[in-house]
Amino acid sequence: MKVMIVWKSHPGTHADALKKLMDEGGIKPQPGQSGVKILSSVHGIGCGFILVETQDYGAVATFCSDWQSVVSVETHIVIDDA
């Protein structure tokens, strides 16, 4: 299944979110995490989205949890229309 992760930085944490993004080379699964394949991502000032593919929705929650100190996230199961 494909899942769209929409994120937005918490008020006052934009600089922290940007630093974390730069320090970690982008939003990606941590070492040892599996089950989430990033298909695409777009990031703006304080917000963005990541399109992932997974067979385990719990893996998406684990993937997102590493960022929840600096961003809020929404997840949406999506389908292709082509």
N, C-alpha and C. Protein backbone atom coordinates (compact mmCIF):
# COMPACT_ATOMS: atom_id res chain seq x y z
N MET A 1 0.85 -1.17 0.00
CA MET A 1 0.00 0.00 0.00
C MET A 1 0.89 1.23 0.00
N LYS A 2 0.33 2.33 -0.52
CA LYS A 2 1.05 3.60 -0.50
C LYS A 2 0.45 4.49 0.58
N VAL A 3 1.34 5.19 1.27
CA VAL A 3 0.92 6.06 2.35
C VAL A 3 1.57 7.43 2.15
N MET A 4 0.76 8.47 2.21
CA MET A 4 1.27 9.82 2.14
C MET A 4 1.41 10.34 3.57
N ILE A 5 2.61 10.75 3.91
CA ILE A 5 2.89 11.33 5.22
C ILE A 5 2.99 12.84 5.02
N VAL A 6 2.13 13.59 5.68
CA VAL A 6 2.15 15.04 5.61
C VAL A 6 2.70 15.55 6.94
N TRP A 7 3.73 16.37 6.88
CA TRP A 7 4.32 16.87 8.12
C TRP A 7 4.32 18.39 8.15
N LYS A 8 4.30 18.92 9.37
CA LYS A 8 4.34 20.36 9.60
C LYS A 8 5.11 20.59 10.89
N SER A 9 6.05 21.54 10.86
CA SER A 9 6.84 21.78 12.06
C SER A 9 5.96 22.41 13.14
N HIS A 10 6.26 22.05 14.40
CA HIS A 10 5.56 22.63 15.53
C HIS A 10 5.94 24.11 15.63
N PRO A 11 5.05 24.96 16.15
CA PRO A 11 5.41 26.37 16.33
C PRO A 11 6.72 26.50 17.12
N GLY A 12 7.61 27.29 16.60
CA GLY A 12 8.88 27.55 17.29
C GLY A 12 9.94 26.48 17.11
N THR A 13 9.66 25.43 16.32
CA THR A 13 10.64 24.35 16.15
C THR A 13 11.16 24.24 14.72
N HIS A 14 10.85 25.23 13.89
CA HIS A 14 11.27 25.14 12.49
C HIS A 14 12.79 24.98 12.39
N ALA A 15 13.55 25.77 13.14
CA ALA A 15 15.02 25.68 13.09
C ALA A 15 15.50 24.31 13.56
N ASP A 16 14.87 23.76 14.60
CA ASP A 16 15.24 22.43 15.09
C ASP A 16 14.93 21.35 14.05
N ALA A 17 13.77 21.47 13.39
CA ALA A 17 13.40 20.50 12.37
C ALA A 17 14.36 20.57 11.19
N LEU A 18 14.72 21.78 10.78
CA LEU A 18 15.66 21.94 9.67
C LEU A 18 17.03 21.38 10.02
N LYS A 19 17.50 21.63 11.25
CA LYS A 19 18.79 21.10 11.69
C LYS A 19 18.78 19.58 11.68
N LYS A 20 17.71 18.98 12.21
CA LYS A 20 17.60 17.52 12.22
C LYS A 20 17.58 16.98 10.79
N LEU A 21 16.85 17.65 9.90
CA LEU A 21 16.78 17.24 8.51
C LEU A 21 18.18 17.26 7.87
N MET A 22 18.92 18.33 8.10
CA MET A 22 20.25 18.46 7.51
C MET A 22 21.25 17.49 8.16
N ASP A 23 21.20 17.35 9.48
CA ASP A 23 22.13 16.46 10.20
C ASP A 23 21.96 15.01 9.78
N GLU A 24 20.73 14.61 9.50
CA GLU A 24 20.46 13.21 9.19
C GLU A 24 20.40 12.93 7.69
N GLY A 25 20.69 13.95 6.89
CA GLY A 25 20.70 13.74 5.44
C GLY A 25 19.33 13.52 4.85
N GLY A 26 18.32 14.05 5.49
CA GLY A 26 16.96 13.91 4.99
C GLY A 26 16.13 13.01 5.88
N ILE A 27 14.87 12.93 5.57
CA ILE A 27 13.96 12.06 6.32
C ILE A 27 14.04 10.69 5.68
N LYS A 28 14.51 9.74 6.42
CA LYS A 28 14.67 8.38 5.92
C LYS A 28 14.59 7.42 7.10
N PRO A 29 14.33 6.15 6.83
CA PRO A 29 14.29 5.17 7.93
C PRO A 29 15.63 5.12 8.67
N GLN A 30 15.55 4.94 9.97
CA GLN A 30 16.75 4.81 10.79
C GLN A 30 17.36 3.43 10.56
N PRO A 31 18.67 3.30 10.84
CA PRO A 31 19.29 1.97 10.71
C PRO A 31 18.51 0.92 11.50
N GLY A 32 18.27 -0.20 10.90
CA GLY A 32 17.52 -1.27 11.54
C GLY A 32 16.03 -1.23 11.29
N GLN A 33 15.51 -0.08 10.84
CA GLN A 33 14.09 0.01 10.51
C GLN A 33 13.88 -0.59 9.13
N SER A 34 12.82 -1.31 8.98
CA SER A 34 12.51 -1.87 7.67
C SER A 34 11.01 -1.78 7.43
N GLY A 35 10.63 -2.08 6.22
CA GLY A 35 9.22 -2.11 5.91
C GLY A 35 8.67 -0.84 5.30
N VAL A 36 9.52 0.19 5.12
CA VAL A 36 9.07 1.44 4.53
C VAL A 36 10.03 1.80 3.41
N LYS A 37 9.49 1.95 2.22
CA LYS A 37 10.28 2.37 1.06
C LYS A 37 9.82 3.77 0.65
N ILE A 38 10.73 4.75 0.66
CA ILE A 38 10.38 6.10 0.26
C ILE A 38 10.31 6.16 -1.26
N LEU A 39 9.17 6.61 -1.78
CA LEU A 39 8.98 6.75 -3.22
C LEU A 39 9.25 8.17 -3.69
N SER A 40 8.89 9.15 -2.86
CA SER A 40 9.06 10.54 -3.21
C SER A 40 8.93 11.40 -1.97
N SER A 41 9.54 12.58 -2.00
CA SER A 41 9.36 13.51 -0.90
C SER A 41 9.52 14.93 -1.41
N VAL A 42 8.78 15.83 -0.83
CA VAL A 42 8.83 17.25 -1.14
C VAL A 42 8.79 18.00 0.18
N HIS A 43 9.74 18.93 0.37
CA HIS A 43 9.81 19.66 1.62
C HIS A 43 9.81 21.15 1.33
N GLY A 44 9.04 21.88 2.09
CA GLY A 44 8.99 23.33 1.99
C GLY A 44 9.45 23.94 3.30
N ILE A 45 9.15 25.19 3.50
CA ILE A 45 9.51 25.86 4.74
C ILE A 45 8.48 25.49 5.79
N GLY A 46 8.87 24.61 6.68
CA GLY A 46 8.00 24.20 7.78
C GLY A 46 6.96 23.15 7.45
N CYS A 47 6.99 22.59 6.24
CA CYS A 47 6.00 21.58 5.90
C CYS A 47 6.49 20.74 4.73
N GLY A 48 5.83 19.63 4.50
CA GLY A 48 6.19 18.79 3.36
C GLY A 48 5.39 17.51 3.36
N PHE A 49 5.72 16.66 2.39
CA PHE A 49 5.10 15.34 2.36
C PHE A 49 6.08 14.31 1.88
N ILE A 50 5.84 13.09 2.28
CA ILE A 50 6.65 11.94 1.90
C ILE A 50 5.70 10.85 1.45
N LEU A 51 5.92 10.32 0.27
CA LEU A 51 5.13 9.20 -0.23
C LEU A 51 5.94 7.93 -0.02
N VAL A 52 5.36 6.98 0.71
CA VAL A 52 6.07 5.73 1.00
C VAL A 52 5.22 4.54 0.55
N GLU A 53 5.89 3.41 0.42
CA GLU A 53 5.22 2.15 0.13
C GLU A 53 5.54 1.20 1.26
N THR A 54 4.53 0.44 1.69
CA THR A 54 4.72 -0.47 2.81
C THR A 54 3.68 -1.59 2.75
N GLN A 55 3.98 -2.67 3.40
CA GLN A 55 3.00 -3.73 3.64
C GLN A 55 2.60 -3.76 5.11
N ASP A 56 3.23 -2.88 5.91
CA ASP A 56 3.04 -2.87 7.36
C ASP A 56 2.80 -1.44 7.82
N TYR A 57 1.54 -1.10 8.09
CA TYR A 57 1.23 0.27 8.50
C TYR A 57 1.94 0.63 9.81
N GLY A 58 2.19 -0.35 10.65
CA GLY A 58 2.93 -0.10 11.89
C GLY A 58 4.34 0.39 11.62
N ALA A 59 4.95 -0.06 10.53
CA ALA A 59 6.29 0.40 10.17
C ALA A 59 6.27 1.89 9.83
N VAL A 60 5.16 2.37 9.28
CA VAL A 60 5.03 3.80 8.99
C VAL A 60 5.00 4.59 10.29
N ALA A 61 4.27 4.09 11.28
CA ALA A 61 4.21 4.76 12.58
C ALA A 61 5.59 4.82 13.22
N THR A 62 6.34 3.74 13.12
CA THR A 62 7.70 3.73 13.66
C THR A 62 8.57 4.73 12.91
N PHE A 63 8.45 4.76 11.60
CA PHE A 63 9.19 5.69 10.76
C PHE A 63 8.91 7.14 11.18
N CYS A 64 7.65 7.46 11.44
CA CYS A 64 7.26 8.83 11.80
C CYS A 64 7.66 9.20 13.22
N SER A 65 7.72 8.24 14.11
CA SER A 65 7.91 8.55 15.53
C SER A 65 9.24 9.25 15.82
N ASP A 66 10.25 9.02 15.00
CA ASP A 66 11.55 9.65 15.22
C ASP A 66 11.50 11.15 15.02
N TRP A 67 10.49 11.65 14.33
CA TRP A 67 10.41 13.08 14.01
C TRP A 67 9.37 13.84 14.84
N GLN A 68 8.60 13.14 15.66
CA GLN A 68 7.47 13.79 16.31
C GLN A 68 7.85 14.79 17.40
N SER A 69 9.14 14.88 17.74
CA SER A 69 9.55 15.91 18.70
C SER A 69 9.59 17.29 18.03
N VAL A 70 9.71 17.34 16.72
CA VAL A 70 9.83 18.62 16.02
C VAL A 70 8.74 18.85 14.96
N VAL A 71 8.01 17.81 14.58
CA VAL A 71 6.95 17.98 13.58
C VAL A 71 5.71 17.20 13.98
N SER A 72 4.57 17.67 13.50
CA SER A 72 3.35 16.87 13.62
C SER A 72 3.16 16.16 12.28
N VAL A 73 2.59 14.99 12.32
CA VAL A 73 2.42 14.22 11.09
C VAL A 73 0.98 13.73 10.96
N GLU A 74 0.54 13.64 9.74
CA GLU A 74 -0.71 12.98 9.38
C GLU A 74 -0.36 11.92 8.36
N THR A 75 -1.01 10.78 8.42
CA THR A 75 -0.78 9.74 7.42
C THR A 75 -2.10 9.44 6.72
N HIS A 76 -1.98 9.20 5.42
CA HIS A 76 -3.16 8.93 4.59
C HIS A 76 -2.82 7.80 3.63
N ILE A 77 -3.62 6.75 3.63
CA ILE A 77 -3.45 5.71 2.62
C ILE A 77 -3.97 6.28 1.31
N VAL A 78 -3.17 6.13 0.25
CA VAL A 78 -3.53 6.70 -1.04
C VAL A 78 -3.44 5.65 -2.13
N ILE A 79 -4.07 5.93 -3.26
CA ILE A 79 -4.02 5.02 -4.41
C ILE A 79 -3.62 5.83 -5.65
N ASP A 80 -3.05 5.15 -6.62
CA ASP A 80 -2.74 5.76 -7.91
C ASP A 80 -4.03 5.91 -8.69
N ASP A 81 -4.12 6.97 -9.47
CA ASP A 81 -5.30 7.15 -10.30
C ASP A 81 -4.98 6.92 -11.78
N ALA A 82 -3.80 6.43 -12.05
CA ALA A 82 -3.43 6.17 -13.45
C ALA A 82 -3.55 4.70 -13.78
